[in-house]
Amino acid sequence: MNTLKVIYLLSLLRSASQGKEEVLTRLYENAMRDNPEYRELSSLLADMEFYREMGNALRYEGKALTEAALKNPDGDLDTIRDMRKIRDRIKLGALESARLFEMPGAFMEPVTVVEQSLKAGYMRFLECVAAVCVYLLAVYVGAVSLENLHWVEGGGGLQERLHAVNSVFLPALCGEYPIPKAWMITRKAAGGGNQFGGSFYSLSYFSDSNLKVLTSSYQAEQPTPLFFLNRQAVETGELNVPYCWGIGNLVSTVPEDALRLLHSGLVIKPSSPTKHDLSAPPPTPLECLHRLCGGSPFCISVEDLVNVLNKWQMGYDVMCIRQRGGCLLCARPVLNGGLVCPTHFA
């Protein structure tokens, strides 16, 4: 059925009828609700989210037209044409918003119309972008780069997330920062059976281009995207081989969960191992940092990691010597529970 013809006929009947206005009004409203332009515009108003002045103006105008279409049969054809125009403008706004979200970088153009079915995905996408920015800044630059970043508790609405990502997080990530060199930690034998013996951890730097070669040469475990662990060296205690390697700082989380680094209590320097810790050799680097940072989020430089690993290793070696009753300087047995042999002071 051609609803335009039906509407036009009912309008003529309504204007020429006496005493039947209520019945004809209901027939007219039913015919209008069956009109494609009316149905599509009503569906768009229900299925879209509208933002900013431009978006809210579209919603207000569209709602006013649908209400007028049911109440004003005398201007039905003009109203239908206006509904068609506002429908097309809403569709265009939704397409433009979708295009903006597909852009690879930050954008300043306003988002006015968003499909409700896509909103949740856009919200998750923006939170993911913010989290990746935080992760990369923490790894490449350090905790100081996170000081001006703030994520609303719960993430806020779409507009709040858009503003944060495009105006704060992405510009911060794209700032001028030196890219850190790749680093490698090797466990080496110190020689001798005293506190200067046992083993220690040595830090060196190398070209990023060799990172892939190094990773493919060993049984590399990858706890985080930019940190690699030689699992075989951990399990066997093998020395003089790469123990772990990576780029930049060590952080306590994976990229998708990196927004927790913005919470108060971020640790930037681990505490020293306690006497209880020294009863066993140092665990793997990330396990070591998790324990010494008390389970709090951390962003630790590789230099501080090596320092604390060596403190732990040296403390453990000393504890082992003391448990055997040995001299701290030569490891030979010491009588009467002394710390060093008396001959060292002769």
Protein backbone atom coordinates (compact mmCIF):
# COMPACT_ATOMS: atom_id res chain seq x y z
CA MET A 1 0.00 0.00 0.00
CA ASN A 2 1.25 3.50 -0.86
CA THR A 3 1.11 5.23 2.53
CA LEU A 4 1.56 8.67 0.99
CA LYS A 5 -1.68 8.25 -0.97
CA VAL A 6 -3.47 6.94 2.12
CA ILE A 7 -2.27 9.86 4.22
CA TYR A 8 -3.28 12.36 1.56
CA LEU A 9 -6.75 10.79 1.22
CA LEU A 10 -7.29 10.73 4.98
CA SER A 11 -6.26 14.37 5.20
CA LEU A 12 -8.93 15.27 2.62
CA LEU A 13 -11.56 13.19 4.42
CA ARG A 14 -10.68 14.75 7.76
CA SER A 15 -11.04 18.25 6.42
CA ALA A 16 -14.40 17.43 4.80
CA SER A 17 -15.91 15.33 7.58
CA GLN A 18 -18.03 16.47 10.47
CA GLY A 19 -18.20 14.45 13.71
CA LYS A 20 -15.77 11.76 12.56
CA GLU A 21 -12.53 13.61 13.36
CA GLU A 22 -11.48 11.25 16.16
CA VAL A 23 -11.84 8.11 14.03
CA LEU A 24 -10.10 9.70 11.08
CA THR A 25 -7.31 10.99 13.33
CA ARG A 26 -6.59 7.43 14.54
CA LEU A 27 -6.62 6.16 10.96
CA TYR A 28 -4.28 8.96 9.95
CA GLU A 29 -1.85 8.22 12.82
CA ASN A 30 -1.79 4.52 11.91
CA ALA A 31 -1.10 5.36 8.29
CA MET A 32 1.68 7.79 9.27
CA ARG A 33 3.31 5.22 11.54
CA ASP A 34 3.37 2.86 8.58
CA ASN A 35 5.16 5.44 6.45
CA PRO A 36 8.80 4.39 5.67
CA GLU A 37 10.24 7.84 6.44
CA TYR A 38 8.44 8.01 9.78
CA ARG A 39 9.42 4.46 10.76
CA GLU A 40 13.05 4.90 9.78
CA LEU A 41 13.41 8.25 11.53
CA SER A 42 11.76 6.89 14.69
CA SER A 43 14.10 3.91 14.60
CA LEU A 44 17.16 6.15 14.20
CA LEU A 45 16.10 8.31 17.13
CA ALA A 46 15.77 5.18 19.29
CA ASP A 47 18.95 3.46 18.10
CA MET A 48 21.40 6.38 18.08
CA GLU A 49 23.31 8.26 20.78
CA PHE A 50 23.53 12.02 20.14
CA TYR A 51 26.35 14.23 21.42
CA ARG A 52 27.29 17.89 21.58
CA GLU A 53 25.13 20.74 20.32
CA MET A 54 24.98 19.50 16.75
CA GLY A 55 23.94 15.99 17.70
CA ASN A 56 21.38 17.13 20.25
CA ALA A 57 19.93 19.55 17.67
CA LEU A 58 19.45 16.63 15.27
CA ARG A 59 17.70 14.61 17.94
CA TYR A 60 15.45 17.52 18.95
CA GLU A 61 14.53 18.32 15.36
CA GLY A 62 13.85 14.67 14.52
CA LYS A 63 11.69 14.17 17.59
CA ALA A 64 9.74 17.34 16.85
CA LEU A 65 9.09 16.17 13.28
CA THR A 66 7.79 12.74 14.35
CA GLU A 67 5.46 14.37 16.86
CA ALA A 68 4.28 16.95 14.32
CA ALA A 69 3.67 14.25 11.73
CA LEU A 70 1.05 12.63 13.98
CA LYS A 71 -0.66 15.87 14.97
CA ASN A 72 -0.65 17.94 11.80
CA PRO A 73 -2.18 16.12 8.83
CA ASP A 74 -2.55 19.40 6.95
CA GLY A 75 1.22 19.64 6.47
CA ASP A 76 1.88 15.94 6.06
CA LEU A 77 3.77 16.03 2.76
CA ASP A 78 6.09 18.82 3.91
CA THR A 79 6.67 16.99 7.18
CA ILE A 80 7.56 13.78 5.36
CA ARG A 81 10.07 15.64 3.21
CA ASP A 82 11.62 17.19 6.32
CA MET A 83 11.77 13.77 8.01
CA ARG A 84 13.63 12.42 4.99
CA LYS A 85 16.17 15.24 5.24
CA ILE A 86 16.78 14.85 8.97
CA ARG A 87 17.02 11.07 8.56
CA ASP A 88 19.79 11.51 5.98
CA ARG A 89 21.64 13.97 8.22
CA ILE A 90 21.54 11.54 11.14
CA LYS A 91 22.86 8.73 8.94
CA LEU A 92 25.62 10.98 7.66
CA GLY A 93 26.58 11.90 11.23
CA ALA A 94 26.81 8.23 12.21
CA LEU A 95 28.97 7.45 9.17
CA GLU A 96 31.27 10.37 9.95
CA SER A 97 31.66 9.20 13.56
CA ALA A 98 32.51 5.69 12.37
CA ARG A 99 35.14 7.16 10.04
CA LEU A 100 36.71 9.13 12.89
CA PHE A 101 36.99 6.07 15.10
CA GLU A 102 38.78 4.25 12.29
CA MET A 103 41.49 6.92 12.08
CA PRO A 104 44.93 5.69 13.21
CA GLY A 105 45.71 8.72 15.38
CA ALA A 106 44.15 11.46 17.46
CA PHE A 107 41.35 13.57 15.99
CA MET A 108 39.74 16.80 17.09
CA GLU A 109 36.58 16.66 14.96
CA PRO A 110 33.42 16.36 17.06
CA VAL A 111 31.53 13.08 17.29
CA THR A 112 27.81 13.86 17.07
CA VAL A 113 25.93 10.63 16.31
CA VAL A 114 26.90 7.09 17.36
CA GLU A 115 24.98 3.87 16.93
CA GLN A 116 24.05 2.49 20.35
CA SER A 117 25.04 -1.01 19.23
CA LEU A 118 28.58 0.26 18.57
CA LYS A 119 28.94 2.48 21.64
CA ALA A 120 30.15 -0.27 24.00
CA GLY A 121 32.79 -1.32 21.48
CA TYR A 122 33.97 2.28 21.07
CA MET A 123 34.18 2.64 24.85
CA ARG A 124 36.33 -0.50 25.16
CA PHE A 125 38.47 0.62 22.22
CA LEU A 126 39.19 4.02 23.79
CA GLU A 127 40.08 2.42 27.13
CA CYS A 128 42.41 0.02 25.32
CA VAL A 129 44.13 2.90 23.48
CA ALA A 130 44.62 4.78 26.77
CA ALA A 131 46.02 1.65 28.45
CA VAL A 132 48.49 0.98 25.64
CA CYS A 133 49.66 4.62 25.78
CA VAL A 134 50.29 4.26 29.52
CA TYR A 135 52.14 0.98 29.06
CA LEU A 136 54.45 2.27 26.32
CA LEU A 137 55.17 5.50 28.19
CA ALA A 138 56.02 3.56 31.35
CA VAL A 139 58.32 1.19 29.46
CA TYR A 140 60.04 3.74 27.21
CA VAL A 141 60.13 6.85 29.42
CA GLY A 142 59.31 5.91 33.01
CA ALA A 143 56.95 6.89 35.79
CA VAL A 144 57.59 10.62 35.31
CA SER A 145 55.75 10.49 31.97
CA LEU A 146 52.58 9.31 33.73
CA GLU A 147 52.27 12.22 36.15
CA ASN A 148 49.92 14.30 33.97
CA LEU A 149 47.74 11.40 32.84
CA HIS A 150 44.39 10.85 34.48
CA TRP A 151 41.67 8.32 33.73
CA VAL A 152 38.22 8.94 35.19
CA GLU A 153 37.15 6.29 37.70
CA GLY A 154 35.07 3.84 35.68
CA GLY A 155 36.27 5.47 32.47
CA GLY A 156 33.50 8.09 32.24
CA GLY A 157 31.26 8.43 29.23
CA LEU A 158 32.13 8.35 25.57
CA GLN A 159 32.86 12.08 25.37
CA GLU A 160 35.12 11.98 28.43
CA ARG A 161 37.08 9.07 27.01
CA LEU A 162 37.35 10.72 23.61
CA HIS A 163 38.71 13.90 25.15
CA ALA A 164 41.19 12.05 27.35
CA VAL A 165 42.55 9.84 24.56
CA ASN A 166 42.72 12.49 21.81
CA SER A 167 43.81 15.46 23.92
CA VAL A 168 46.03 13.85 26.58
CA PHE A 169 47.07 10.23 26.12
CA LEU A 170 47.93 10.10 22.41
CA PRO A 171 49.73 13.48 22.42
CA ALA A 172 51.75 12.33 25.45
CA LEU A 173 52.76 9.14 23.65
CA CYS A 174 53.74 11.07 20.52
CA GLY A 175 56.01 13.45 22.43
CA GLU A 176 59.73 13.68 21.83
CA TYR A 177 61.40 10.93 23.84
CA PRO A 178 64.66 9.05 23.28
CA ILE A 179 63.99 5.41 22.47
CA PRO A 180 65.86 3.26 25.00
CA LYS A 181 68.35 0.66 23.85
CA ALA A 182 67.70 -3.02 24.27
CA TRP A 183 69.37 -4.50 27.33
CA MET A 184 70.54 -7.93 28.44
CA ILE A 185 71.27 -9.34 31.89
CA THR A 186 73.79 -12.17 32.14
CA ARG A 187 74.45 -14.23 35.24
CA LYS A 188 78.19 -14.77 35.71
CA ALA A 189 80.46 -16.57 38.13
CA ALA A 190 82.36 -14.27 40.47
CA GLY A 191 84.96 -16.89 41.48
CA GLY A 192 85.96 -18.04 44.94
CA GLY A 193 83.90 -19.41 47.79
CA ASN A 194 83.32 -16.19 49.76
CA GLN A 195 81.09 -13.13 49.63
CA PHE A 196 82.91 -12.01 46.52
CA GLY A 197 82.33 -15.39 44.97
CA GLY A 198 79.17 -17.17 43.96
CA SER A 199 77.53 -15.39 41.06
CA PHE A 200 76.40 -11.93 40.08
CA TYR A 201 74.24 -10.28 37.42
CA SER A 202 75.83 -8.17 34.71
CA LEU A 203 73.96 -5.59 32.58
CA SER A 204 74.86 -4.75 28.99
CA TYR A 205 73.17 -2.97 26.10
CA PHE A 206 72.89 -3.89 22.44
CA SER A 207 71.21 -2.89 19.20
CA ASP A 208 67.46 -3.36 18.85
CA SER A 209 68.08 -5.15 15.56
CA ASN A 210 69.72 -8.02 17.48
CA LEU A 211 66.73 -8.52 19.75
CA LYS A 212 64.97 -10.92 17.40
CA VAL A 213 68.16 -12.93 16.84
CA LEU A 214 68.75 -13.20 20.58
CA THR A 215 65.16 -14.23 21.26
CA SER A 216 65.19 -16.96 18.60
CA SER A 217 68.48 -18.39 19.94
CA TYR A 218 67.14 -19.39 23.35
CA GLN A 219 64.09 -20.94 24.95
CA ALA A 220 62.62 -17.50 25.57
CA GLU A 221 59.60 -16.99 27.77
CA GLN A 222 57.80 -13.69 27.23
CA PRO A 223 55.97 -12.58 30.42
CA THR A 224 55.36 -9.09 28.97
CA PRO A 225 55.60 -7.83 25.37
CA LEU A 226 59.04 -6.22 25.84
CA PHE A 227 60.61 -8.56 28.39
CA PHE A 228 62.09 -12.01 27.70
CA LEU A 229 63.35 -14.66 30.10
CA ASN A 230 65.70 -17.55 29.36
CA ARG A 231 63.70 -20.27 31.10
CA GLN A 232 66.44 -22.88 30.69
CA ALA A 233 69.01 -20.65 32.43
CA VAL A 234 66.56 -20.11 35.27
CA GLU A 235 65.89 -23.82 35.75
CA THR A 236 69.46 -25.10 35.36
CA GLY A 237 71.41 -22.18 36.86
CA GLU A 238 73.53 -22.01 33.72
CA LEU A 239 76.02 -19.12 33.75
CA ASN A 240 77.54 -16.89 31.08
CA VAL A 241 74.43 -16.99 28.89
CA PRO A 242 71.72 -14.33 28.53
CA TYR A 243 69.51 -14.64 31.60
CA CYS A 244 66.86 -12.12 30.53
CA TRP A 245 66.61 -9.26 28.06
CA GLY A 246 64.21 -6.58 26.90
CA ILE A 247 63.67 -2.89 26.17
CA GLY A 248 63.16 -0.04 28.61
CA ASN A 249 61.71 -0.26 32.11
CA LEU A 250 59.99 -3.20 33.75
CA VAL A 251 56.32 -2.76 34.60
CA SER A 252 54.02 -4.89 36.70
CA THR A 253 51.24 -5.38 34.18
CA VAL A 254 50.36 -6.19 30.60
CA PRO A 255 49.26 -3.40 28.20
CA GLU A 256 45.50 -3.95 28.44
CA ASP A 257 45.62 -3.55 32.23
CA ALA A 258 48.15 -0.71 32.33
CA LEU A 259 45.71 1.97 33.54
CA ARG A 260 46.26 0.65 37.06
CA LEU A 261 49.74 2.22 36.83
CA LEU A 262 48.00 5.60 37.14
CA HIS A 263 46.65 4.77 40.60
CA SER A 264 48.37 6.16 43.65
CA GLY A 265 51.05 3.96 45.14
CA LEU A 266 53.08 3.30 41.98
CA VAL A 267 56.49 1.99 43.08
CA ILE A 268 59.49 3.34 41.16
CA LYS A 269 62.27 1.81 43.31
CA PRO A 270 62.08 -1.63 44.94
CA SER A 271 62.91 -2.16 48.59
CA SER A 272 65.94 -4.21 49.61
CA PRO A 273 65.45 -7.93 50.26
CA THR A 274 64.82 -8.84 53.88
CA LYS A 275 66.58 -11.53 55.90
CA HIS A 276 63.60 -13.78 55.23
CA ASP A 277 64.01 -13.20 51.47
CA LEU A 278 67.71 -14.10 51.65
CA SER A 279 66.94 -17.62 52.80
CA ALA A 280 66.51 -18.56 49.12
CA PRO A 281 68.20 -17.43 45.92
CA PRO A 282 66.55 -14.56 44.01
CA PRO A 283 63.51 -15.62 41.96
CA THR A 284 62.99 -14.57 38.37
CA PRO A 285 63.24 -10.78 37.81
CA LEU A 286 59.50 -10.04 37.67
CA GLU A 287 58.79 -12.29 40.66
CA CYS A 288 61.56 -10.53 42.53
CA LEU A 289 60.07 -7.10 41.80
CA HIS A 290 56.52 -8.17 42.66
CA ARG A 291 57.73 -9.37 46.05
CA LEU A 292 59.95 -6.38 46.85
CA CYS A 293 57.25 -3.92 45.74
CA GLY A 294 54.71 -5.52 48.07
CA GLY A 295 52.32 -6.44 45.27
CA SER A 296 51.82 -2.77 44.31
CA PRO A 297 52.00 -1.61 40.69
CA PHE A 298 55.59 -0.77 39.73
CA CYS A 299 57.69 0.84 37.02
CA ILE A 300 61.33 -0.07 37.66
CA SER A 301 64.43 0.73 35.64
CA VAL A 302 66.63 -2.17 34.53
CA GLU A 303 69.54 -0.64 36.47
CA ASP A 304 67.55 -0.83 39.71
CA LEU A 305 66.56 -4.40 38.84
CA VAL A 306 70.20 -5.48 38.45
CA ASN A 307 71.11 -3.70 41.67
CA VAL A 308 68.45 -5.50 43.69
CA LEU A 309 69.21 -8.87 42.06
CA ASN A 310 72.86 -8.54 43.06
CA LYS A 311 71.90 -7.50 46.61
CA TRP A 312 69.71 -10.56 46.86
CA GLN A 313 72.30 -12.91 45.34
CA MET A 314 75.13 -11.59 47.50
CA GLY A 315 72.97 -11.73 50.63
CA TYR A 316 71.99 -15.31 49.83
CA ASP A 317 75.63 -16.30 49.26
CA VAL A 318 76.61 -14.75 52.62
CA MET A 319 73.75 -16.55 54.36
CA CYS A 320 74.91 -19.87 52.88
CA ILE A 321 78.48 -19.27 54.06
CA ARG A 322 77.27 -18.36 57.54
CA GLN A 323 75.06 -21.44 57.73
CA ARG A 324 78.13 -23.56 57.00
CA GLY A 325 80.10 -21.63 59.65
CA GLY A 326 82.55 -20.35 57.05
CA CYS A 327 84.70 -17.24 56.91
CA LEU A 328 83.17 -14.41 54.91
CA LEU A 329 86.52 -13.74 53.25
CA CYS A 330 87.81 -17.20 52.46
CA ALA A 331 84.89 -19.54 53.27
CA ARG A 332 87.09 -21.80 55.49
CA PRO A 333 85.50 -22.95 58.76
CA VAL A 334 85.78 -20.41 61.59
CA LEU A 335 86.08 -21.54 65.18
CA ASN A 336 83.91 -20.16 67.98
CA GLY A 337 81.27 -18.82 65.58
CA GLY A 338 83.41 -15.97 64.28
CA LEU A 339 82.66 -14.12 61.04
CA VAL A 340 86.19 -14.16 59.60
CA CYS A 341 89.41 -16.04 60.22
CA PRO A 342 91.72 -14.29 62.74
CA THR A 343 94.65 -14.76 60.32
CA HIS A 344 93.16 -12.14 57.98
CA PHE A 345 94.00 -9.49 60.58
CA ALA A 346 97.51 -10.72 61.45
